[in-house]
Amino acid sequence: MHTILNLIDGRMVHAASCKLIPVVEPATGHPYAQASASDAADIESAAKAATRAFARWSVTPAAERSRCLLRLSELVDANIERLAEAESRDSGKPISLARAVDIPRAAANLRFFATGILHTAGEFHDFDGGGVPSGMPALNFTLRRPRGVAGCISPWNLPLYLFTWKIAPALAAGCTVIGKPSEVTPMTASLLGELAIEAGLPPGVLNIVHGTGPDAGAALVHHPEVTTITFTGSTHVGRWIGKTAGDMLKRVSLELGGKNPFIVFDDADFDGPHGAIETAARAAFSNQGQICLCGSRLLIHESVYDRVREGIVRHARSLRIGDPADPATQFGALVSEAHLAKVEGCVREAARSGGTILCGGERIAPVHLPDRCRGGYFFAPTVIEGLNPTCSVEQEEIFGPVVSLQRFQDEQEAVHLANSTPYGLAATIFTRDGSRAHRVAASIDAGIVWVNCWMVRDLRTPFGGMKQSGIGREGGVEALKFFTEAKNVCVRI
């Protein structure tokens, strides 16, 4: 059985304790690898390596940092099949999705920040001395310097996609990194570590420590040499990280949960691959609903409610569920038995709360799965209607293939329903009325609003949530600013 090691100071090493965590293939329910069960001792080793490396990496010319990251992106592209197979096996997602989205996006993340760091512009101010006491003519400019060792904690749903989304801007900005991928899906981060060595990244610049949140993750957040923490995961854990890091005056970025509205007005384009119905289905069921940006609340104008309901149910029933390794599979396994039980419990609660399950609502019976998948974690795409908007199922993130339907009468009610949860990560609007689209987009509490599309991402734009969906922004110049300190230099003239 393959053993996943830590990358510390340029070498693949066992955890100090030599303990291991089983890594289970979601499609089968059987362990297929084991990962290092790291703790504070391993974080200490990684922090020492990262601190030593920072002294040189922070003053390495941007062009050389860019070259290293570009080489790493090329290696990701060259190993797309190997990485896609590993991602699919590790997470249960269809290999077609890993090939088309996850691995290409990981390479794009590295490439984007590798080139972006070469084109960032500084700030410059020509000051004439007027308007302030004791003013005098001066030139002011702003230097940006890397903050030090960054702790990057990534989730299990988009393992390599989000791991690179965090480490790429940190490394480009001149920080050194201790990455802590999810212990549930550690394989592709480990493979990336091997590729980083091949790409010539200096020892200690990128360290990857595997282990659980309470052991490795908590030690990373607590470590005094780690100045900056970026985390994607649950709101519950994000609150703890925010409190703990705040007490130590660390800089923190938290990308947390969402309960995202997908709003369909009566004048929407309904049909075709980019119409409201198929887009809503993708938003609900992509990656088995295990994306923080999934549209889990479908808000439909009452005059077109029946049409959209029929369309979303038809699409859910048509998805090809099967072995994630099969290129024809459209819908794979949930990530773990524990997560499957959570989703199942939420659907039961929906039924107890008066909801009507229009399709799905249960585990896929083994008889309907390929032989090797009969012990896997499969749950049917589920559509529910009739819930009170204030019930727990409508208020809390499920993070599974479950979408609820709500009617609305007018624009004001749609906005009210959209803003009625504690979260504010993303929203989608389908309408042909441009003025309405702008009004509603401006009124919704969400960090990103899509109009007549979903999951279209320009990496130059800021990404993050409002309310309980997190603090801080990732992407573009916002990410590079996050990993750097601004220093004003004032020169009298």
Protein backbone atom coordinates (compact mmCIF):
# COMPACT_ATOMS: atom_id res chain seq x y z
CA MET A 1 0.00 0.00 0.00
CA HIS A 2 1.34 3.40 -1.00
CA THR A 3 2.54 5.66 1.84
CA ILE A 4 2.12 9.42 1.44
CA LEU A 5 5.06 11.28 2.99
CA ASN A 6 5.59 14.86 4.09
CA LEU A 7 7.69 17.26 2.03
CA ILE A 8 9.96 19.11 4.47
CA ASP A 9 13.11 21.01 3.50
CA GLY A 10 13.17 19.51 0.03
CA ARG A 11 12.91 15.86 1.13
CA MET A 12 10.08 13.36 1.39
CA VAL A 13 10.01 12.21 5.01
CA HIS A 14 7.82 10.20 7.39
CA ALA A 15 5.99 11.90 10.24
CA ALA A 16 8.11 12.13 13.38
CA SER A 17 5.70 9.77 15.16
CA CYS A 18 5.76 7.31 12.24
CA LYS A 19 1.98 7.11 12.64
CA LEU A 20 -0.22 6.77 9.55
CA ILE A 21 -3.78 7.64 8.52
CA PRO A 22 -5.72 5.33 6.18
CA VAL A 23 -6.75 6.96 2.90
CA VAL A 24 -10.05 5.53 1.65
CA GLU A 25 -11.25 5.42 -1.95
CA PRO A 26 -14.81 6.83 -1.83
CA ALA A 27 -15.98 4.79 -4.82
CA THR A 28 -15.21 1.49 -3.07
CA GLY A 29 -15.15 2.28 0.63
CA HIS A 30 -11.76 0.55 0.94
CA PRO A 31 -8.38 1.99 2.02
CA TYR A 32 -5.92 2.21 -0.84
CA ALA A 33 -3.10 4.29 0.68
CA GLN A 34 -1.88 5.66 3.99
CA ALA A 35 -0.77 9.19 4.80
CA SER A 36 1.63 10.55 7.38
CA ALA A 37 -0.18 11.44 10.61
CA SER A 38 1.79 14.57 11.41
CA ASP A 39 1.62 16.65 14.56
CA ALA A 40 3.32 19.64 16.20
CA ALA A 41 6.78 18.08 15.84
CA ASP A 42 6.45 17.93 12.07
CA ILE A 43 5.07 21.46 11.89
CA GLU A 44 8.08 22.59 13.93
CA SER A 45 10.45 20.94 11.45
CA ALA A 46 8.61 22.50 8.52
CA ALA A 47 8.58 25.93 10.18
CA LYS A 48 12.35 25.81 10.75
CA ALA A 49 12.92 24.84 7.12
CA ALA A 50 10.53 27.52 5.83
CA THR A 51 12.09 30.21 8.04
CA ARG A 52 15.60 29.36 6.82
CA ALA A 53 14.45 29.32 3.20
CA PHE A 54 12.61 32.64 3.55
CA ALA A 55 15.87 34.53 4.02
CA ARG A 56 16.86 33.71 0.42
CA TRP A 57 13.49 33.20 -1.30
CA SER A 58 12.21 36.60 -0.17
CA VAL A 59 15.05 38.36 -2.01
CA THR A 60 15.10 36.02 -5.01
CA PRO A 61 14.32 38.12 -8.10
CA ALA A 62 10.69 37.95 -9.16
CA ALA A 63 11.74 36.62 -12.55
CA GLU A 64 13.39 33.60 -10.93
CA ARG A 65 10.41 32.92 -8.66
CA SER A 66 8.24 33.15 -11.77
CA ARG A 67 10.46 30.70 -13.63
CA CYS A 68 10.17 28.10 -10.85
CA LEU A 69 6.37 28.37 -10.76
CA LEU A 70 6.07 28.25 -14.54
CA ARG A 71 8.19 25.11 -14.58
CA LEU A 72 5.93 23.58 -11.94
CA SER A 73 2.83 24.48 -13.99
CA GLU A 74 4.40 22.79 -17.02
CA LEU A 75 4.98 19.63 -15.00
CA VAL A 76 1.36 19.64 -13.82
CA ASP A 77 0.24 19.90 -17.45
CA ALA A 78 2.62 17.11 -18.47
CA ASN A 79 1.28 14.84 -15.71
CA ILE A 80 -2.41 15.61 -16.20
CA GLU A 81 -3.48 12.00 -16.63
CA ARG A 82 -1.61 10.76 -13.57
CA LEU A 83 -2.91 13.63 -11.45
CA ALA A 84 -6.49 13.29 -12.73
CA GLU A 85 -6.55 9.58 -11.95
CA ALA A 86 -5.22 10.27 -8.46
CA GLU A 87 -7.74 13.07 -7.87
CA SER A 88 -10.65 10.93 -9.00
CA ARG A 89 -9.61 7.96 -6.89
CA ASP A 90 -8.93 10.11 -3.83
CA SER A 91 -12.11 12.20 -3.88
CA GLY A 92 -14.73 10.16 -5.75
CA LYS A 93 -15.26 12.77 -8.47
CA PRO A 94 -15.68 11.63 -12.08
CA ILE A 95 -12.35 11.41 -13.84
CA SER A 96 -13.83 13.43 -16.70
CA LEU A 97 -14.25 16.35 -14.26
CA ALA A 98 -10.72 15.98 -12.90
CA ARG A 99 -9.30 15.93 -16.44
CA ALA A 100 -11.35 18.85 -17.72
CA VAL A 101 -11.40 21.13 -14.67
CA ASP A 102 -9.39 20.29 -11.55
CA ILE A 103 -5.95 19.60 -12.96
CA PRO A 104 -6.01 22.21 -15.77
CA ARG A 105 -7.14 24.80 -13.22
CA ALA A 106 -4.30 23.81 -10.86
CA ALA A 107 -1.79 24.45 -13.65
CA ALA A 108 -3.57 27.72 -14.50
CA ASN A 109 -3.31 28.90 -10.88
CA LEU A 110 0.45 28.41 -10.88
CA ARG A 111 0.83 30.00 -14.31
CA PHE A 112 -1.36 32.99 -13.48
CA PHE A 113 0.55 34.05 -10.38
CA ALA A 114 3.90 33.21 -11.94
CA THR A 115 3.24 35.76 -14.66
CA GLY A 116 1.21 38.12 -12.49
CA ILE A 117 4.09 38.82 -10.12
CA LEU A 118 6.06 40.23 -13.06
CA HIS A 119 3.37 42.78 -13.89
CA THR A 120 2.26 44.15 -10.53
CA ALA A 121 2.49 47.93 -10.29
CA GLY A 122 3.60 49.84 -7.22
CA GLU A 123 2.04 53.03 -5.88
CA PHE A 124 3.68 56.43 -6.33
CA HIS A 125 2.56 59.85 -5.09
CA ASP A 126 4.05 63.26 -5.90
CA PHE A 127 3.30 65.34 -2.77
CA ASP A 128 3.52 69.16 -2.93
CA GLY A 129 3.39 69.59 0.84
CA GLY A 130 0.08 71.42 0.92
CA GLY A 131 -2.98 70.69 3.01
CA VAL A 132 -1.27 69.19 6.10
CA PRO A 133 0.68 70.78 8.99
CA SER A 134 4.48 70.92 8.53
CA GLY A 135 4.13 69.60 5.01
CA MET A 136 6.95 69.83 2.50
CA PRO A 137 7.38 68.59 -1.05
CA ALA A 138 8.16 64.89 -1.19
CA LEU A 139 7.94 61.80 -3.30
CA ASN A 140 6.14 58.83 -1.76
CA PHE A 141 6.25 55.29 -3.01
CA THR A 142 5.04 51.99 -1.61
CA LEU A 143 7.18 48.91 -1.31
CA ARG A 144 5.61 45.48 -0.90
CA ARG A 145 7.60 42.88 0.95
CA PRO A 146 6.67 39.20 1.59
CA ARG A 147 5.26 38.59 5.06
CA GLY A 148 7.23 35.46 5.93
CA VAL A 149 6.06 31.89 6.41
CA ALA A 150 2.49 31.30 5.19
CA GLY A 151 0.26 28.49 6.41
CA CYS A 152 -2.05 27.27 3.61
CA ILE A 153 -4.84 24.92 4.71
CA SER A 154 -6.92 23.48 1.88
CA PRO A 155 -10.09 21.33 1.77
CA TRP A 156 -11.02 17.92 0.37
CA ASN A 157 -13.55 18.87 -2.31
CA LEU A 158 -11.22 20.38 -4.93
CA PRO A 159 -7.91 19.15 -3.58
CA LEU A 160 -5.24 20.24 -6.06
CA TYR A 161 -7.35 23.05 -7.54
CA LEU A 162 -7.60 24.84 -4.17
CA PHE A 163 -4.19 23.81 -2.81
CA THR A 164 -2.49 25.55 -5.75
CA TRP A 165 -4.92 28.49 -5.50
CA LYS A 166 -3.40 29.17 -2.07
CA ILE A 167 0.27 28.31 -2.46
CA ALA A 168 0.79 29.96 -5.88
CA PRO A 169 0.31 33.61 -4.82
CA ALA A 170 2.22 33.02 -1.58
CA LEU A 171 5.24 31.62 -3.41
CA ALA A 172 5.04 34.22 -6.17
CA ALA A 173 4.99 37.03 -3.60
CA GLY A 174 8.18 35.69 -1.97
CA CYS A 175 6.71 33.91 1.04
CA THR A 176 7.69 30.39 1.97
CA VAL A 177 4.86 27.95 2.58
CA ILE A 178 3.73 25.20 4.89
CA GLY A 179 0.77 23.56 3.15
CA LYS A 180 -1.66 21.34 5.03
CA PRO A 181 -3.96 19.53 2.58
CA SER A 182 -6.98 17.63 3.82
CA GLU A 183 -6.11 14.25 5.28
CA VAL A 184 -9.16 12.89 3.45
CA THR A 185 -7.71 13.66 -0.01
CA PRO A 186 -3.92 14.01 0.33
CA MET A 187 -2.69 12.27 -2.81
CA THR A 188 -2.42 15.04 -5.39
CA ALA A 189 -0.76 17.46 -2.95
CA SER A 190 1.84 14.77 -2.34
CA LEU A 191 2.37 14.31 -6.07
CA LEU A 192 2.68 18.08 -6.44
CA GLY A 193 5.44 17.99 -3.83
CA GLU A 194 7.36 15.51 -5.99
CA LEU A 195 6.88 17.77 -9.01
CA ALA A 196 8.06 20.80 -7.00
CA ILE A 197 11.36 19.04 -6.32
CA GLU A 198 11.65 18.23 -10.02
CA ALA A 199 10.86 21.83 -10.93
CA GLY A 200 13.85 23.02 -8.90
CA LEU A 201 12.00 24.80 -6.11
CA PRO A 202 14.66 25.41 -3.43
CA PRO A 203 14.47 23.26 -0.26
CA GLY A 204 12.19 24.70 2.40
CA VAL A 205 10.33 27.05 0.07
CA LEU A 206 7.35 24.69 -0.21
CA ASN A 207 6.69 22.27 2.64
CA ILE A 208 3.68 19.93 2.66
CA VAL A 209 2.63 18.39 5.97
CA HIS A 210 -0.13 15.78 6.08
CA GLY A 211 -2.32 15.10 9.07
CA THR A 212 -5.61 15.89 10.74
CA GLY A 213 -6.92 19.33 11.58
CA PRO A 214 -6.71 18.89 15.38
CA ASP A 215 -3.10 17.69 15.16
CA ALA A 216 -1.29 19.19 12.17
CA GLY A 217 -3.71 22.01 11.34
CA ALA A 218 -3.97 23.39 14.86
CA ALA A 219 -0.19 23.26 15.32
CA LEU A 220 0.23 25.21 12.08
CA VAL A 221 -2.18 27.93 13.19
CA HIS A 222 -0.51 28.17 16.62
CA HIS A 223 3.10 28.24 15.42
CA PRO A 224 4.73 31.63 16.16
CA GLU A 225 6.86 31.62 12.99
CA VAL A 226 3.79 31.34 10.75
CA THR A 227 2.71 34.94 10.15
CA THR A 228 -0.13 34.39 7.70
CA ILE A 229 -2.94 31.82 7.51
CA THR A 230 -5.23 31.11 4.57
CA PHE A 231 -7.97 28.54 5.08
CA THR A 232 -10.83 27.11 3.04
CA GLY A 233 -13.32 24.94 4.87
CA SER A 234 -16.23 25.00 7.28
CA THR A 235 -17.46 28.11 9.06
CA HIS A 236 -17.13 26.30 12.41
CA VAL A 237 -13.39 25.66 11.93
CA GLY A 238 -12.92 29.08 10.35
CA ARG A 239 -14.23 30.76 13.50
CA TRP A 240 -11.70 28.86 15.61
CA ILE A 241 -8.85 29.78 13.29
CA GLY A 242 -9.94 33.42 13.30
CA LYS A 243 -9.97 33.58 17.11
CA THR A 244 -6.71 31.70 17.56
CA ALA A 245 -4.77 33.57 14.87
CA GLY A 246 -6.31 36.86 15.98
CA ASP A 247 -4.93 36.44 19.49
CA MET A 248 -1.48 36.14 17.90
CA LEU A 249 -2.08 39.09 15.52
CA LYS A 250 -1.63 36.91 12.43
CA ARG A 251 -3.13 37.90 9.12
CA VAL A 252 -5.99 35.59 8.15
CA SER A 253 -8.06 34.85 5.06
CA LEU A 254 -11.06 32.56 5.54
CA GLU A 255 -13.12 31.15 2.66
CA LEU A 256 -15.98 29.38 4.39
CA GLY A 257 -19.43 27.92 3.73
CA GLY A 258 -22.23 29.03 1.48
CA LYS A 259 -25.96 28.55 0.98
CA ASN A 260 -26.06 30.04 -2.47
CA PRO A 261 -29.24 31.23 -4.22
CA PHE A 262 -29.83 30.53 -7.90
CA ILE A 263 -32.57 32.94 -9.03
CA VAL A 264 -34.64 32.29 -12.16
CA PHE A 265 -36.89 35.11 -13.35
CA ASP A 266 -39.81 34.62 -15.71
CA ASP A 267 -37.96 36.15 -18.67
CA ALA A 268 -34.92 33.87 -18.41
CA ASP A 269 -33.55 31.83 -21.29
CA PHE A 270 -34.56 28.34 -20.19
CA ASP A 271 -33.38 25.91 -22.82
CA GLY A 272 -30.07 24.72 -24.17
CA PRO A 273 -26.75 23.93 -22.48
CA HIS A 274 -26.36 27.51 -21.24
CA GLY A 275 -30.01 28.04 -20.33
CA ALA A 276 -31.35 28.41 -16.82
CA ILE A 277 -32.45 24.79 -16.32
CA GLU A 278 -29.26 23.02 -17.36
CA THR A 279 -27.11 25.62 -15.66
CA ALA A 280 -29.10 25.26 -12.43
CA ALA A 281 -28.63 21.50 -12.61
CA ARG A 282 -24.86 21.87 -13.05
CA ALA A 283 -24.78 24.34 -10.19
CA ALA A 284 -26.63 21.91 -7.94
CA PHE A 285 -24.94 18.61 -8.81
CA SER A 286 -21.41 19.26 -10.11
CA ASN A 287 -18.85 17.34 -8.06
CA GLN A 288 -21.82 15.69 -6.30
CA GLY A 289 -22.80 19.11 -4.91
CA GLN A 290 -19.51 19.32 -3.02
CA ILE A 291 -18.45 22.81 -4.13
CA CYS A 292 -18.83 25.84 -1.89
CA LEU A 293 -20.22 27.75 -4.89
CA CYS A 294 -22.99 25.26 -5.71
CA GLY A 295 -26.46 26.74 -6.14
CA SER A 296 -28.24 24.80 -3.40
CA ARG A 297 -31.34 27.07 -3.22
CA LEU A 298 -33.22 27.40 -6.51
CA LEU A 299 -35.51 30.45 -6.32
CA ILE A 300 -38.04 30.45 -9.16
CA HIS A 301 -40.60 33.01 -10.28
CA GLU A 302 -44.05 31.56 -9.63
CA SER A 303 -45.15 31.86 -13.28
CA VAL A 304 -42.37 29.49 -14.46
CA TYR A 305 -42.07 27.36 -11.34
CA ASP A 306 -43.58 24.19 -12.81
CA ARG A 307 -41.45 24.38 -15.94
CA VAL A 308 -38.19 24.76 -13.99
CA ARG A 309 -39.18 22.12 -11.43
CA GLU A 310 -39.88 19.57 -14.15
CA GLY A 311 -36.62 20.42 -15.89
CA ILE A 312 -34.40 20.14 -12.82
CA VAL A 313 -35.99 16.83 -11.78
CA ARG A 314 -35.61 15.46 -15.28
CA HIS A 315 -31.95 16.43 -15.35
CA ALA A 316 -31.28 14.95 -11.90
CA ARG A 317 -32.80 11.63 -12.95
CA SER A 318 -30.82 11.58 -16.19
CA LEU A 319 -27.35 11.86 -14.65
CA ARG A 320 -25.19 8.82 -15.23
CA ILE A 321 -24.12 7.63 -11.78
CA GLY A 322 -21.27 5.16 -11.62
CA ASP A 323 -17.60 4.38 -11.19
CA PRO A 324 -15.66 7.67 -11.09
CA ALA A 325 -12.88 5.98 -13.08
CA ASP A 326 -15.27 5.45 -16.02
CA PRO A 327 -14.97 8.41 -18.46
CA ALA A 328 -18.72 8.14 -19.16
CA THR A 329 -19.68 8.71 -15.50
CA GLN A 330 -21.26 12.10 -14.80
CA PHE A 331 -21.90 11.74 -11.08
CA GLY A 332 -19.55 9.99 -8.66
CA ALA A 333 -19.28 9.22 -4.96
CA LEU A 334 -19.42 11.47 -1.92
CA VAL A 335 -16.08 11.86 -0.22
CA SER A 336 -16.58 9.70 2.88
CA GLU A 337 -19.01 7.57 4.85
CA ALA A 338 -19.27 10.32 7.48
CA HIS A 339 -20.17 12.92 4.86
CA LEU A 340 -22.67 10.58 3.23
CA ALA A 341 -24.35 10.12 6.62
CA LYS A 342 -24.46 13.89 7.11
CA VAL A 343 -26.15 14.46 3.73
CA GLU A 344 -28.58 11.62 4.38
CA GLY A 345 -29.43 13.14 7.76
CA CYS A 346 -30.14 16.53 6.20
CA VAL A 347 -32.56 14.99 3.71
CA ARG A 348 -34.37 13.16 6.52
CA GLU A 349 -34.63 16.45 8.39
CA ALA A 350 -36.10 18.06 5.27
CA ALA A 351 -38.81 15.40 5.16
CA ARG A 352 -39.54 15.88 8.87
CA SER A 353 -39.78 19.64 8.26
CA GLY A 354 -42.54 19.20 5.68
CA GLY A 355 -40.48 19.07 2.51
CA THR A 356 -41.49 16.94 -0.46
CA ILE A 357 -38.69 14.92 -2.03
CA LEU A 358 -39.26 15.07 -5.77
CA CYS A 359 -36.40 12.74 -6.67
CA GLY A 360 -33.44 11.06 -5.02
CA GLY A 361 -33.29 11.41 -1.25
CA GLU A 362 -31.47 8.15 -0.56
CA ARG A 363 -28.28 6.20 -1.00
CA ILE A 364 -27.78 4.45 -4.32
CA ALA A 365 -28.55 0.77 -3.82
CA PRO A 366 -25.45 -1.42 -4.40
CA VAL A 367 -27.35 -3.44 -7.02
CA HIS A 368 -27.39 -0.31 -9.22
CA LEU A 369 -23.62 0.20 -9.01
CA PRO A 370 -20.66 -1.53 -10.69
CA ASP A 371 -19.33 -4.46 -8.71
CA ARG A 372 -16.25 -2.69 -7.41
CA CYS A 373 -18.34 0.30 -6.24
CA ARG A 374 -20.91 -1.57 -4.16
CA GLY A 375 -19.26 -0.49 -0.91
CA GLY A 376 -18.88 3.11 -2.04
CA TYR A 377 -20.48 6.31 -0.81
CA PHE A 378 -23.11 7.10 -3.44
CA PHE A 379 -26.16 9.32 -2.85
CA ALA A 380 -28.78 10.09 -5.48
CA PRO A 381 -29.18 13.65 -6.84
CA THR A 382 -31.98 15.09 -4.76
CA VAL A 383 -34.58 17.81 -5.38
CA ILE A 384 -36.84 19.03 -2.54
CA GLU A 385 -39.71 21.50 -2.49
CA GLY A 386 -42.14 22.87 0.08
CA LEU A 387 -39.70 23.78 2.85
CA ASN A 388 -40.12 26.84 5.04
CA PRO A 389 -37.27 29.24 4.17
CA THR A 390 -36.44 29.53 7.88
CA CYS A 391 -35.96 25.81 8.53
CA SER A 392 -32.48 24.45 9.24
CA VAL A 393 -32.20 22.67 5.88
CA GLU A 394 -32.74 25.99 4.08
CA GLN A 395 -30.41 27.88 6.40
CA GLU A 396 -27.37 25.60 6.75
CA GLU A 397 -24.93 24.32 4.16
CA ILE A 398 -25.43 20.64 3.25
CA PHE A 399 -22.50 20.39 0.82
CA GLY A 400 -24.03 17.55 -1.12
CA PRO A 401 -26.22 16.79 -4.15
CA VAL A 402 -29.32 18.39 -2.66
CA VAL A 403 -31.19 21.38 -4.09
CA SER A 404 -34.33 22.96 -2.65
CA LEU A 405 -36.95 24.88 -4.64
CA GLN A 406 -38.70 28.07 -3.50
CA ARG A 407 -41.26 30.25 -5.31
CA PHE A 408 -41.17 34.03 -5.41
CA GLN A 409 -43.68 36.60 -6.70
CA ASP A 410 -41.50 39.59 -7.55
CA GLU A 411 -38.00 41.00 -7.53
CA GLN A 412 -38.20 42.24 -3.94
CA GLU A 413 -39.20 38.82 -2.62
CA ALA A 414 -36.42 37.16 -4.62
CA VAL A 415 -33.81 39.44 -3.05
CA HIS A 416 -35.29 38.90 0.41
CA LEU A 417 -35.11 35.12 0.03
CA ALA A 418 -31.61 35.31 -1.41
CA ASN A 419 -30.38 37.27 1.62
CA SER A 420 -32.27 35.25 4.23
CA THR A 421 -29.42 32.93 5.32
CA PRO A 422 -26.34 33.62 7.46
CA TYR A 423 -24.10 33.12 4.41
CA GLY A 424 -23.03 35.37 1.57
CA LEU A 425 -20.63 33.59 -0.73
CA ALA A 426 -22.18 33.45 -4.22
CA ALA A 427 -25.41 33.94 -6.15
CA THR A 428 -26.67 33.40 -9.68
CA ILE A 429 -29.32 35.39 -11.57
CA PHE A 430 -31.02 34.35 -14.80
CA THR A 431 -32.90 37.12 -16.61
CA ARG A 432 -32.84 38.86 -19.99
CA ASP A 433 -33.57 42.24 -18.36
CA GLY A 434 -30.19 43.97 -18.02
CA SER A 435 -31.45 46.66 -15.64
CA ARG A 436 -32.98 44.04 -13.36
CA ALA A 437 -29.77 42.01 -13.41
CA HIS A 438 -27.77 45.03 -12.22
CA ARG A 439 -30.31 45.96 -9.53
CA VAL A 440 -30.54 42.46 -8.11
CA ALA A 441 -26.79 41.83 -8.28
CA ALA A 442 -26.18 45.03 -6.31
CA SER A 443 -28.80 44.06 -3.71
CA ILE A 444 -27.64 40.52 -2.93
CA ASP A 445 -25.21 39.93 -0.07
CA ALA A 446 -22.65 37.80 -1.88
CA GLY A 447 -18.98 38.06 -2.75
CA ILE A 448 -19.59 36.94 -6.33
CA VAL A 449 -22.76 37.19 -8.44
CA TRP A 450 -23.11 35.45 -11.80
CA VAL A 451 -25.62 36.68 -14.37
CA ASN A 452 -26.85 34.11 -16.93
CA CYS A 453 -23.92 31.81 -16.14
CA TRP A 454 -22.36 29.88 -13.27
CA MET A 455 -18.78 29.09 -12.24
CA VAL A 456 -17.18 31.38 -14.81
CA ARG A 457 -13.95 32.55 -13.15
CA ASP A 458 -11.55 35.26 -14.23
CA LEU A 459 -8.49 34.78 -12.01
CA ARG A 460 -7.83 38.53 -11.96
CA THR A 461 -10.99 39.20 -9.94
CA PRO A 462 -11.34 39.09 -6.13
CA PHE A 463 -12.96 36.00 -4.64
CA GLY A 464 -14.44 35.62 -1.16
CA GLY A 465 -17.60 35.84 0.89
CA MET A 466 -19.67 38.09 3.12
CA LYS A 467 -21.33 37.41 6.47
CA GLN A 468 -20.58 33.86 7.71
CA SER A 469 -18.96 32.92 4.39
CA GLY A 470 -15.62 34.33 5.43
CA ILE A 471 -13.28 37.30 5.51
CA GLY A 472 -10.64 38.44 3.06
CA ARG A 473 -10.34 38.01 -0.68
CA GLU A 474 -8.36 35.63 -2.86
CA GLY A 475 -7.42 36.00 -6.52
CA GLY A 476 -5.58 38.56 -8.62
CA VAL A 477 -3.83 41.46 -6.96
CA GLU A 478 -5.84 40.88 -3.76
CA ALA A 479 -4.01 37.59 -3.18
CA LEU A 480 -0.58 39.13 -3.78
CA LYS A 481 -1.41 41.98 -1.39
CA PHE A 482 -2.54 39.48 1.24
CA PHE A 483 0.87 37.79 1.33
CA THR A 484 2.84 41.05 1.43
CA GLU A 485 3.31 44.03 3.76
CA ALA A 486 3.04 47.56 2.41
CA LYS A 487 5.82 49.97 3.37
CA ASN A 488 5.64 53.68 2.59
CA VAL A 489 8.94 55.39 1.73
CA CYS A 490 8.82 59.21 1.82
CA VAL A 491 11.68 61.15 0.21
CA ARG A 492 11.95 64.92 0.70
CA ILE A 493 12.61 66.84 -2.50
